C-alpha atoms as a PDB file:
ATOM      1  CA  UNK A   1     -21.834  28.658  18.278  1.00  0.00           C
ATOM      2  CA  UNK A   2     -22.153  31.728  20.452  1.00  0.00           C
ATOM      3  CA  UNK A   3     -20.443  35.009  19.933  1.00  0.00           C
ATOM      4  CA  UNK A   4     -19.482  37.446  22.596  1.00  0.00           C
ATOM      5  CA  UNK A   5     -20.531  41.044  22.125  1.00  0.00           C
ATOM      6  CA  UNK A   6     -17.772  43.596  22.480  1.00  0.00           C
ATOM      7  CA  UNK A   7     -17.721  45.382  25.819  1.00  0.00           C
ATOM      8  CA  UNK A   8     -19.742  48.592  25.987  1.00  0.00           C
ATOM      9  CA  UNK A   9     -17.264  51.291  26.844  1.00  0.00           C
ATOM     10  CA  UNK A  10     -17.908  55.013  27.256  1.00  0.00           C
ATOM     11  CA  UNK A  11     -17.026  55.757  23.622  1.00  0.00           C
ATOM     12  CA  UNK A  12     -19.569  53.254  22.325  1.00  0.00           C
ATOM     13  CA  UNK A  13     -22.254  54.590  24.654  1.00  0.00           C
ATOM     14  CA  UNK A  14     -21.513  58.162  23.539  1.00  0.00           C
ATOM     15  CA  UNK A  15     -21.707  57.185  19.872  1.00  0.00           C
ATOM     16  CA  UNK A  16     -25.063  55.475  20.437  1.00  0.00           C
ATOM     17  CA  UNK A  17     -26.336  58.535  22.315  1.00  0.00           C
ATOM     18  CA  UNK A  18     -25.363  60.936  19.535  1.00  0.00           C
ATOM     19  CA  UNK A  19     -26.783  58.663  16.836  1.00  0.00           C
ATOM     20  CA  UNK A  20     -30.125  58.407  18.635  1.00  0.00           C
ATOM     21  CA  UNK A  21     -30.165  62.148  19.329  1.00  0.00           C
ATOM     22  CA  UNK A  22     -29.537  62.843  15.642  1.00  0.00           C
ATOM     23  CA  UNK A  23     -32.484  60.681  14.614  1.00  0.00           C
ATOM     24  CA  UNK A  24     -34.711  62.289  17.254  1.00  0.00           C
ATOM     25  CA  UNK A  25     -33.765  65.823  16.188  1.00  0.00           C
ATOM     26  CA  UNK A  26     -34.507  64.930  12.576  1.00  0.00           C
ATOM     27  CA  UNK A  27     -37.990  63.714  13.498  1.00  0.00           C
ATOM     28  CA  UNK A  28     -38.635  66.688  15.779  1.00  0.00           C
ATOM     29  CA  UNK A  29     -37.504  69.073  13.053  1.00  0.00           C
ATOM     30  CA  UNK A  30     -40.158  67.718  10.702  1.00  0.00           C
ATOM     31  CA  UNK A  31     -42.716  68.715  13.332  1.00  0.00           C
ATOM     32  CA  UNK A  32     -41.183  72.137  13.925  1.00  0.00           C
ATOM     33  CA  UNK A  33     -39.834  71.306  17.387  1.00  0.00           C
ATOM     34  CA  UNK A  34     -36.407  71.490  18.941  1.00  0.00           C
ATOM     35  CA  UNK A  35     -35.036  68.976  21.425  1.00  0.00           C
ATOM     36  CA  UNK A  36     -35.414  71.476  24.299  1.00  0.00           C
ATOM     37  CA  UNK A  37     -39.011  72.170  23.277  1.00  0.00           C
ATOM     38  CA  UNK A  38     -39.856  68.469  23.244  1.00  0.00           C
ATOM     39  CA  UNK A  39     -38.297  67.906  26.674  1.00  0.00           C
ATOM     40  CA  UNK A  40     -40.181  70.922  28.054  1.00  0.00           C
ATOM     41  CA  UNK A  41     -43.512  70.020  26.449  1.00  0.00           C
ATOM     42  CA  UNK A  42     -43.631  66.424  27.650  1.00  0.00           C
ATOM     43  CA  UNK A  43     -44.188  66.987  31.419  1.00  0.00           C
ATOM     44  CA  UNK A  44     -46.966  69.471  30.654  1.00  0.00           C
ATOM     45  CA  UNK A  45     -48.589  67.053  28.213  1.00  0.00           C
ATOM     46  CA  UNK A  46     -48.435  64.160  30.675  1.00  0.00           C
ATOM     47  CA  UNK A  47     -49.880  66.098  33.602  1.00  0.00           C
ATOM     48  CA  UNK A  48     -53.566  65.866  34.460  1.00  0.00           C
ATOM     49  CA  UNK A  49     -53.338  69.159  36.337  1.00  0.00           C
ATOM     50  CA  UNK A  50     -51.868  72.552  35.471  1.00  0.00           C
ATOM     51  CA  UNK A  51     -48.093  72.689  35.855  1.00  0.00           C
ATOM     52  CA  UNK A  52     -46.373  75.533  37.661  1.00  0.00           C
ATOM     53  CA  UNK A  53     -44.047  77.371  35.294  1.00  0.00           C
ATOM     54  CA  UNK A  54     -41.337  77.552  37.955  1.00  0.00           C
ATOM     55  CA  UNK A  55     -41.588  73.826  38.713  1.00  0.00           C
ATOM     56  CA  UNK A  56     -41.426  72.997  35.005  1.00  0.00           C
ATOM     57  CA  UNK A  57     -38.392  75.216  34.460  1.00  0.00           C
ATOM     58  CA  UNK A  58     -36.645  73.672  37.481  1.00  0.00           C
ATOM     59  CA  UNK A  59     -37.391  70.133  36.245  1.00  0.00           C
ATOM     60  CA  UNK A  60     -36.150  70.800  32.711  1.00  0.00           C
ATOM     61  CA  UNK A  61     -33.066  72.693  33.933  1.00  0.00           C
ATOM     62  CA  UNK A  62     -32.158  69.730  36.108  1.00  0.00           C
ATOM     63  CA  UNK A  63     -32.731  67.235  33.279  1.00  0.00           C
ATOM     64  CA  UNK A  64     -30.825  69.193  30.630  1.00  0.00           C
ATOM     65  CA  UNK A  65     -28.321  71.037  32.818  1.00  0.00           C
ATOM     66  CA  UNK A  66     -29.648  74.214  31.202  1.00  0.00           C
ATOM     67  CA  UNK A  67     -29.893  77.837  32.268  1.00  0.00           C
ATOM     68  CA  UNK A  68     -33.304  78.824  33.719  1.00  0.00           C
ATOM     69  CA  UNK A  69     -33.530  81.904  31.475  1.00  0.00           C
ATOM     70  CA  UNK A  70     -33.092  79.675  28.421  1.00  0.00           C
ATOM     71  CA  UNK A  71     -35.861  77.326  29.547  1.00  0.00           C
ATOM     72  CA  UNK A  72     -38.201  80.237  30.324  1.00  0.00           C
ATOM     73  CA  UNK A  73     -37.569  81.224  26.708  1.00  0.00           C
ATOM     74  CA  UNK A  74     -38.447  77.703  25.551  1.00  0.00           C
ATOM     75  CA  UNK A  75     -41.715  77.883  27.520  1.00  0.00           C
ATOM     76  CA  UNK A  76     -42.474  81.196  25.806  1.00  0.00           C
ATOM     77  CA  UNK A  77     -41.760  79.563  22.425  1.00  0.00           C
ATOM     78  CA  UNK A  78     -44.188  76.727  23.204  1.00  0.00           C
ATOM     79  CA  UNK A  79     -46.847  79.250  24.218  1.00  0.00           C
ATOM     80  CA  UNK A  80     -46.158  81.248  21.053  1.00  0.00           C
ATOM     81  CA  UNK A  81     -46.563  78.122  18.900  1.00  0.00           C
ATOM     82  CA  UNK A  82     -49.889  77.391  20.583  1.00  0.00           C
ATOM     83  CA  UNK A  83     -48.657  74.113  22.075  1.00  0.00           C
ATOM     84  CA  UNK A  84     -48.943  75.254  25.703  1.00  0.00           C
ATOM     85  CA  UNK A  85     -51.529  77.548  27.267  1.00  0.00           C
ATOM     86  CA  UNK A  86     -50.586  79.795  30.193  1.00  0.00           C
ATOM     87  CA  UNK A  87     -53.632  79.915  32.463  1.00  0.00           C
ATOM     88  CA  UNK A  88     -54.044  81.498  35.880  1.00  0.00           C
ATOM     89  CA  UNK A  89     -53.499  78.197  37.659  1.00  0.00           C
ATOM     90  CA  UNK A  90     -50.499  77.117  35.566  1.00  0.00           C
ATOM     91  CA  UNK A  91     -49.461  75.724  32.225  1.00  0.00           C
ATOM     92  CA  UNK A  92     -51.633  73.276  30.302  1.00  0.00           C
ATOM     93  CA  UNK A  93     -51.028  71.489  27.050  1.00  0.00           C
ATOM     94  CA  UNK A  94     -53.196  72.609  24.143  1.00  0.00           C
ATOM     95  CA  UNK A  95     -54.825  70.125  21.783  1.00  0.00           C
ATOM     96  CA  UNK A  96     -52.043  70.872  19.264  1.00  0.00           C
ATOM     97  CA  UNK A  97     -49.401  70.270  21.922  1.00  0.00           C
ATOM     98  CA  UNK A  98     -51.070  67.040  22.948  1.00  0.00           C
ATOM     99  CA  UNK A  99     -50.989  65.778  19.375  1.00  0.00           C
ATOM    100  CA  UNK A 100     -47.231  66.446  19.261  1.00  0.00           C
ATOM    101  CA  UNK A 101     -46.655  64.069  22.162  1.00  0.00           C
ATOM    102  CA  UNK A 102     -49.229  61.412  21.300  1.00  0.00           C
ATOM    103  CA  UNK A 103     -47.986  58.000  20.385  1.00  0.00           C
END
């Protein structure tokens, strides 16, 4: 006997999104990170080369539909937490920042 799954409508997709986001924010909170910080940290952590601050801000603003000033603030928070290092040639992930994104 086979059963048919109910159709996935926009309400169901939204509920799944918010449930997953809630779980993610709970996990991030245990590590002292916000959702915006995690989204901003990831491209820096995955890059083999320094990342331009302006390019990073533009990428995260596009992904999150966020204000550039807010994301510049998030970058400053990551630098302040020692997760990102601001070098002359761009932003690099620190060892602590790399451990936040490992796995």
